[in-house]
Amino acid sequence: CCPGPLTLDTTALAPGETTTLTFELSMHPGMDGPHDLAVHVPITSADGTEQLTVDVVGDFR
């Protein structure tokens, strides 16, 4: 599968706020079925920078 570019609705959040992360998945012929993807999102806060890992699991067809 080929994930497309990641898009965030809002990139600056106050505590308690949320945003939506979207991306498109393109499947080459024969590549459909169960997948387990990890999306790594850099997070910058007053304490420094860390990485949030979002697991995306599904049966994509």
PDB file of N, CA and C in Angstrom:
ATOM      1  N   CYS A   1       0.848  -1.184   0.000  1.00  0.00           N
ATOM      2  CA  CYS A   1       0.000   0.000   0.000  1.00  0.00           C
ATOM      3  C   CYS A   1       0.883   1.234   0.000  1.00  0.00           C
ATOM      4  N   CYS A   2       0.326   2.290  -0.446  1.00  0.00           N
ATOM      5  CA  CYS A   2       1.065   3.553  -0.529  1.00  0.00           C
ATOM      6  C   CYS A   2       0.276   4.645   0.181  1.00  0.00           C
ATOM      7  N   PRO A   3       0.676   5.025   1.407  1.00  0.00           N
ATOM      8  CA  PRO A   3      -0.014   6.137   2.073  1.00  0.00           C
ATOM      9  C   PRO A   3       0.271   7.442   1.363  1.00  0.00           C
ATOM     10  N   GLY A   4      -0.754   8.253   1.245  1.00  0.00           N
ATOM     11  CA  GLY A   4      -0.587   9.575   0.651  1.00  0.00           C
ATOM     12  C   GLY A   4      -0.113  10.565   1.687  1.00  0.00           C
ATOM     13  N   PRO A   5      -0.047  11.839   1.329  1.00  0.00           N
ATOM     14  CA  PRO A   5       0.415  12.861   2.274  1.00  0.00           C
ATOM     15  C   PRO A   5      -0.531  12.966   3.474  1.00  0.00           C
ATOM     16  N   LEU A   6       0.056  13.232   4.643  1.00  0.00           N
ATOM     17  CA  LEU A   6      -0.732  13.419   5.860  1.00  0.00           C
ATOM     18  C   LEU A   6      -1.211  14.858   5.933  1.00  0.00           C
ATOM     19  N   THR A   7      -2.443  15.035   6.383  1.00  0.00           N
ATOM     20  CA  THR A   7      -3.017  16.372   6.539  1.00  0.00           C
ATOM     21  C   THR A   7      -3.605  16.495   7.941  1.00  0.00           C
ATOM     22  N   LEU A   8      -3.251  17.565   8.636  1.00  0.00           N
ATOM     23  CA  LEU A   8      -3.829  17.871   9.941  1.00  0.00           C
ATOM     24  C   LEU A   8      -4.749  19.067   9.800  1.00  0.00           C
ATOM     25  N   ASP A   9      -5.948  18.999  10.419  1.00  0.00           N
ATOM     26  CA  ASP A   9      -6.856  20.145  10.379  1.00  0.00           C
ATOM     27  C   ASP A   9      -6.221  21.358  11.057  1.00  0.00           C
ATOM     28  N   THR A  10      -5.671  21.154  12.245  1.00  0.00           N
ATOM     29  CA  THR A  10      -5.036  22.214  13.008  1.00  0.00           C
ATOM     30  C   THR A  10      -3.721  21.685  13.547  1.00  0.00           C
ATOM     31  N   THR A  11      -2.663  22.485  13.455  1.00  0.00           N
ATOM     32  CA  THR A  11      -1.358  22.014  13.926  1.00  0.00           C
ATOM     33  C   THR A  11      -0.952  22.623  15.265  1.00  0.00           C
ATOM     34  N   ALA A  12      -1.650  23.642  15.727  1.00  0.00           N
ATOM     35  CA  ALA A  12      -1.359  24.247  17.032  1.00  0.00           C
ATOM     36  C   ALA A  12      -2.564  24.031  17.930  1.00  0.00           C
ATOM     37  N   LEU A  13      -2.371  23.254  19.000  1.00  0.00           N
ATOM     38  CA  LEU A  13      -3.478  22.896  19.876  1.00  0.00           C
ATOM     39  C   LEU A  13      -3.217  23.340  21.307  1.00  0.00           C
ATOM     40  N   ALA A  14      -4.247  23.838  21.961  1.00  0.00           N
ATOM     41  CA  ALA A  14      -4.187  24.122  23.386  1.00  0.00           C
ATOM     42  C   ALA A  14      -4.510  22.817  24.127  1.00  0.00           C
ATOM     43  N   PRO A  15      -4.147  22.713  25.392  1.00  0.00           N
ATOM     44  CA  PRO A  15      -4.478  21.498  26.143  1.00  0.00           C
ATOM     45  C   PRO A  15      -5.975  21.178  26.063  1.00  0.00           C
ATOM     46  N   GLY A  16      -6.286  19.930  25.768  1.00  0.00           N
ATOM     47  CA  GLY A  16      -7.672  19.487  25.672  1.00  0.00           C
ATOM     48  C   GLY A  16      -8.285  19.611  24.291  1.00  0.00           C
ATOM     49  N   GLU A  17      -7.643  20.335  23.374  1.00  0.00           N
ATOM     50  CA  GLU A  17      -8.159  20.464  22.021  1.00  0.00           C
ATOM     51  C   GLU A  17      -7.794  19.236  21.195  1.00  0.00           C
ATOM     52  N   THR A  18      -8.514  19.039  20.100  1.00  0.00           N
ATOM     53  CA  THR A  18      -8.262  17.909  19.213  1.00  0.00           C
ATOM     54  C   THR A  18      -8.100  18.392  17.773  1.00  0.00           C
ATOM     55  N   THR A  19      -7.559  17.522  16.954  1.00  0.00           N
ATOM     56  CA  THR A  19      -7.437  17.782  15.527  1.00  0.00           C
ATOM     57  C   THR A  19      -7.676  16.465  14.793  1.00  0.00           C
ATOM     58  N   THR A  20      -7.855  16.534  13.495  1.00  0.00           N
ATOM     59  CA  THR A  20      -8.092  15.337  12.697  1.00  0.00           C
ATOM     60  C   THR A  20      -6.916  15.127  11.742  1.00  0.00           C
ATOM     61  N   LEU A  21      -6.384  13.922  11.748  1.00  0.00           N
ATOM     62  CA  LEU A  21      -5.310  13.525  10.859  1.00  0.00           C
ATOM     63  C   LEU A  21      -5.919  12.663   9.762  1.00  0.00           C
ATOM     64  N   THR A  22      -5.707  13.045   8.504  1.00  0.00           N
ATOM     65  CA  THR A  22      -6.243  12.268   7.389  1.00  0.00           C
ATOM     66  C   THR A  22      -5.139  11.926   6.402  1.00  0.00           C
ATOM     67  N   PHE A  23      -5.306  10.779   5.752  1.00  0.00           N
ATOM     68  CA  PHE A  23      -4.418  10.394   4.666  1.00  0.00           C
ATOM     69  C   PHE A  23      -5.111   9.331   3.834  1.00  0.00           C
ATOM     70  N   GLU A  24      -4.732   9.267   2.581  1.00  0.00           N
ATOM     71  CA  GLU A  24      -5.317   8.316   1.644  1.00  0.00           C
ATOM     72  C   GLU A  24      -4.389   7.112   1.505  1.00  0.00           C
ATOM     73  N   LEU A  25      -4.981   5.938   1.379  1.00  0.00           N
ATOM     74  CA  LEU A  25      -4.196   4.734   1.112  1.00  0.00           C
ATOM     75  C   LEU A  25      -4.510   4.254  -0.296  1.00  0.00           C
ATOM     76  N   SER A  26      -3.486   4.014  -1.075  1.00  0.00           N
ATOM     77  CA  SER A  26      -3.647   3.466  -2.423  1.00  0.00           C
ATOM     78  C   SER A  26      -3.097   2.046  -2.422  1.00  0.00           C
ATOM     79  N   MET A  27      -3.878   1.124  -2.923  1.00  0.00           N
ATOM     80  CA  MET A  27      -3.454  -0.272  -2.962  1.00  0.00           C
ATOM     81  C   MET A  27      -3.116  -0.678  -4.391  1.00  0.00           C
ATOM     82  N   HIS A  28      -1.939  -1.258  -4.559  1.00  0.00           N
ATOM     83  CA  HIS A  28      -1.577  -1.830  -5.846  1.00  0.00           C
ATOM     84  C   HIS A  28      -2.320  -3.149  -6.000  1.00  0.00           C
ATOM     85  N   PRO A  29      -2.564  -3.616  -7.215  1.00  0.00           N
ATOM     86  CA  PRO A  29      -3.255  -4.887  -7.407  1.00  0.00           C
ATOM     87  C   PRO A  29      -2.571  -6.006  -6.608  1.00  0.00           C
ATOM     88  N   GLY A  30      -3.384  -6.764  -5.881  1.00  0.00           N
ATOM     89  CA  GLY A  30      -2.871  -7.869  -5.089  1.00  0.00           C
ATOM     90  C   GLY A  30      -2.372  -7.484  -3.712  1.00  0.00           C
ATOM     91  N   MET A  31      -2.408  -6.191  -3.379  1.00  0.00           N
ATOM     92  CA  MET A  31      -1.896  -5.736  -2.077  1.00  0.00           C
ATOM     93  C   MET A  31      -3.021  -5.472  -1.073  1.00  0.00           C
ATOM     94  N   ASP A  32      -4.275  -5.773  -1.433  1.00  0.00           N
ATOM     95  CA  ASP A  32      -5.364  -5.532  -0.498  1.00  0.00           C
ATOM     96  C   ASP A  32      -5.322  -6.579   0.612  1.00  0.00           C
ATOM     97  N   GLY A  33      -6.123  -6.363   1.641  1.00  0.00           N
ATOM     98  CA  GLY A  33      -6.170  -7.289   2.764  1.00  0.00           C
ATOM     99  C   GLY A  33      -5.702  -6.633   4.047  1.00  0.00           C
ATOM    100  N   PRO A  34      -5.401  -7.447   5.047  1.00  0.00           N
ATOM    101  CA  PRO A  34      -5.020  -6.918   6.365  1.00  0.00           C
ATOM    102  C   PRO A  34      -3.699  -6.139   6.320  1.00  0.00           C
ATOM    103  N   HIS A  35      -3.693  -4.994   6.990  1.00  0.00           N
ATOM    104  CA  HIS A  35      -2.494  -4.162   7.094  1.00  0.00           C
ATOM    105  C   HIS A  35      -2.386  -3.618   8.513  1.00  0.00           C
ATOM    106  N   ASP A  36      -1.186  -3.365   8.948  1.00  0.00           N
ATOM    107  CA  ASP A  36      -0.897  -2.731  10.224  1.00  0.00           C
ATOM    108  C   ASP A  36       0.153  -1.668   9.950  1.00  0.00           C
ATOM    109  N   LEU A  37      -0.247  -0.400   9.961  1.00  0.00           N
ATOM    110  CA  LEU A  37       0.642   0.712   9.637  1.00  0.00           C
ATOM    111  C   LEU A  37       0.932   1.526  10.895  1.00  0.00           C
ATOM    112  N   ALA A  38       2.094   2.109  10.975  1.00  0.00           N
ATOM    113  CA  ALA A  38       2.441   3.025  12.055  1.00  0.00           C
ATOM    114  C   ALA A  38       2.706   4.397  11.437  1.00  0.00           C
ATOM    115  N   VAL A  39       1.960   5.394  11.885  1.00  0.00           N
ATOM    116  CA  VAL A  39       2.142   6.767  11.430  1.00  0.00           C
ATOM    117  C   VAL A  39       2.854   7.515  12.546  1.00  0.00           C
ATOM    118  N   HIS A  40       3.999   8.117  12.243  1.00  0.00           N
ATOM    119  CA  HIS A  40       4.795   8.831  13.240  1.00  0.00           C
ATOM    120  C   HIS A  40       4.565  10.331  13.090  1.00  0.00           C
ATOM    121  N   VAL A  41       4.070  10.950  14.158  1.00  0.00           N
ATOM    122  CA  VAL A  41       3.719  12.371  14.140  1.00  0.00           C
ATOM    123  C   VAL A  41       4.609  13.107  15.143  1.00  0.00           C
ATOM    124  N   PRO A  42       5.442  14.049  14.669  1.00  0.00           N
ATOM    125  CA  PRO A  42       6.273  14.807  15.616  1.00  0.00           C
ATOM    126  C   PRO A  42       5.409  15.794  16.418  1.00  0.00           C
ATOM    127  N   ILE A  43       5.615  15.809  17.728  1.00  0.00           N
ATOM    128  CA  ILE A  43       4.868  16.687  18.628  1.00  0.00           C
ATOM    129  C   ILE A  43       5.869  17.610  19.314  1.00  0.00           C
ATOM    130  N   THR A  44       5.627  18.916  19.251  1.00  0.00           N
ATOM    131  CA  THR A  44       6.485  19.888  19.923  1.00  0.00           C
ATOM    132  C   THR A  44       5.680  20.551  21.032  1.00  0.00           C
ATOM    133  N   SER A  45       6.199  20.469  22.241  1.00  0.00           N
ATOM    134  CA  SER A  45       5.538  21.101  23.388  1.00  0.00           C
ATOM    135  C   SER A  45       6.553  21.956  24.131  1.00  0.00           C
ATOM    136  N   ALA A  46       6.125  22.571  25.213  1.00  0.00           N
ATOM    137  CA  ALA A  46       7.029  23.384  26.016  1.00  0.00           C
ATOM    138  C   ALA A  46       8.151  22.535  26.607  1.00  0.00           C
ATOM    139  N   ASP A  47       7.915  21.234  26.751  1.00  0.00           N
ATOM    140  CA  ASP A  47       8.915  20.319  27.309  1.00  0.00           C
ATOM    141  C   ASP A  47       9.875  19.773  26.265  1.00  0.00           C
ATOM    142  N   GLY A  48       9.681  20.096  25.006  1.00  0.00           N
ATOM    143  CA  GLY A  48      10.559  19.602  23.954  1.00  0.00           C
ATOM    144  C   GLY A  48       9.783  18.909  22.849  1.00  0.00           C
ATOM    145  N   THR A  49      10.486  18.116  22.074  1.00  0.00           N
ATOM    146  CA  THR A  49       9.876  17.425  20.946  1.00  0.00           C
ATOM    147  C   THR A  49       9.855  15.926  21.215  1.00  0.00           C
ATOM    148  N   GLU A  50       8.756  15.299  20.903  1.00  0.00           N
ATOM    149  CA  GLU A  50       8.628  13.857  21.010  1.00  0.00           C
ATOM    150  C   GLU A  50       7.862  13.339  19.812  1.00  0.00           C
ATOM    151  N   GLN A  51       7.726  12.050  19.711  1.00  0.00           N
ATOM    152  CA  GLN A  51       7.053  11.464  18.561  1.00  0.00           C
ATOM    153  C   GLN A  51       5.840  10.659  19.022  1.00  0.00           C
ATOM    154  N   LEU A  52       4.704  10.949  18.435  1.00  0.00           N
ATOM    155  CA  LEU A  52       3.476  10.205  18.692  1.00  0.00           C
ATOM    156  C   LEU A  52       3.347   9.155  17.601  1.00  0.00           C
ATOM    157  N   THR A  53       3.125   7.909  17.982  1.00  0.00           N
ATOM    158  CA  THR A  53       2.928   6.848  17.001  1.00  0.00           C
ATOM    159  C   THR A  53       1.456   6.460  16.993  1.00  0.00           C
ATOM    160  N   VAL A  54       0.831   6.570  15.835  1.00  0.00           N
ATOM    161  CA  VAL A  54      -0.569   6.212  15.654  1.00  0.00           C
ATOM    162  C   VAL A  54      -0.606   4.910  14.865  1.00  0.00           C
ATOM    163  N   ASP A  55      -1.175   3.863  15.462  1.00  0.00           N
ATOM    164  CA  ASP A  55      -1.299   2.580  14.758  1.00  0.00           C
ATOM    165  C   ASP A  55      -2.604   2.560  13.983  1.00  0.00           C
ATOM    166  N   VAL A  56      -2.502   2.205  12.707  1.00  0.00           N
ATOM    167  CA  VAL A  56      -3.666   2.095  11.820  1.00  0.00           C
ATOM    168  C   VAL A  56      -3.766   0.638  11.396  1.00  0.00           C
ATOM    169  N   VAL A  57      -4.837  -0.012  11.812  1.00  0.00           N
ATOM    170  CA  VAL A  57      -5.019  -1.431  11.530  1.00  0.00           C
ATOM    171  C   VAL A  57      -6.353  -1.600  10.816  1.00  0.00           C
ATOM    172  N   GLY A  58      -6.362  -2.402   9.755  1.00  0.00           N
ATOM    173  CA  GLY A  58      -7.620  -2.638   9.060  1.00  0.00           C
ATOM    174  C   GLY A  58      -7.451  -3.631   7.930  1.00  0.00           C
ATOM    175  N   ASP A  59      -8.589  -4.047   7.397  1.00  0.00           N
ATOM    176  CA  ASP A  59      -8.632  -4.925   6.246  1.00  0.00           C
ATOM    177  C   ASP A  59      -9.052  -4.065   5.058  1.00  0.00           C
ATOM    178  N   PHE A  60      -8.075  -3.593   4.319  1.00  0.00           N
ATOM    179  CA  PHE A  60      -8.313  -2.614   3.267  1.00  0.00           C
ATOM    180  C   PHE A  60      -8.557  -3.299   1.940  1.00  0.00           C
ATOM    181  N   ARG A  61      -9.646  -2.949   1.295  1.00  0.00           N
ATOM    182  CA  ARG A  61     -10.007  -3.540   0.003  1.00  0.00           C
ATOM    183  C   ARG A  61     -10.408  -2.454  -0.969  1.00  0.00           C
TER     184      ARG A  61
END
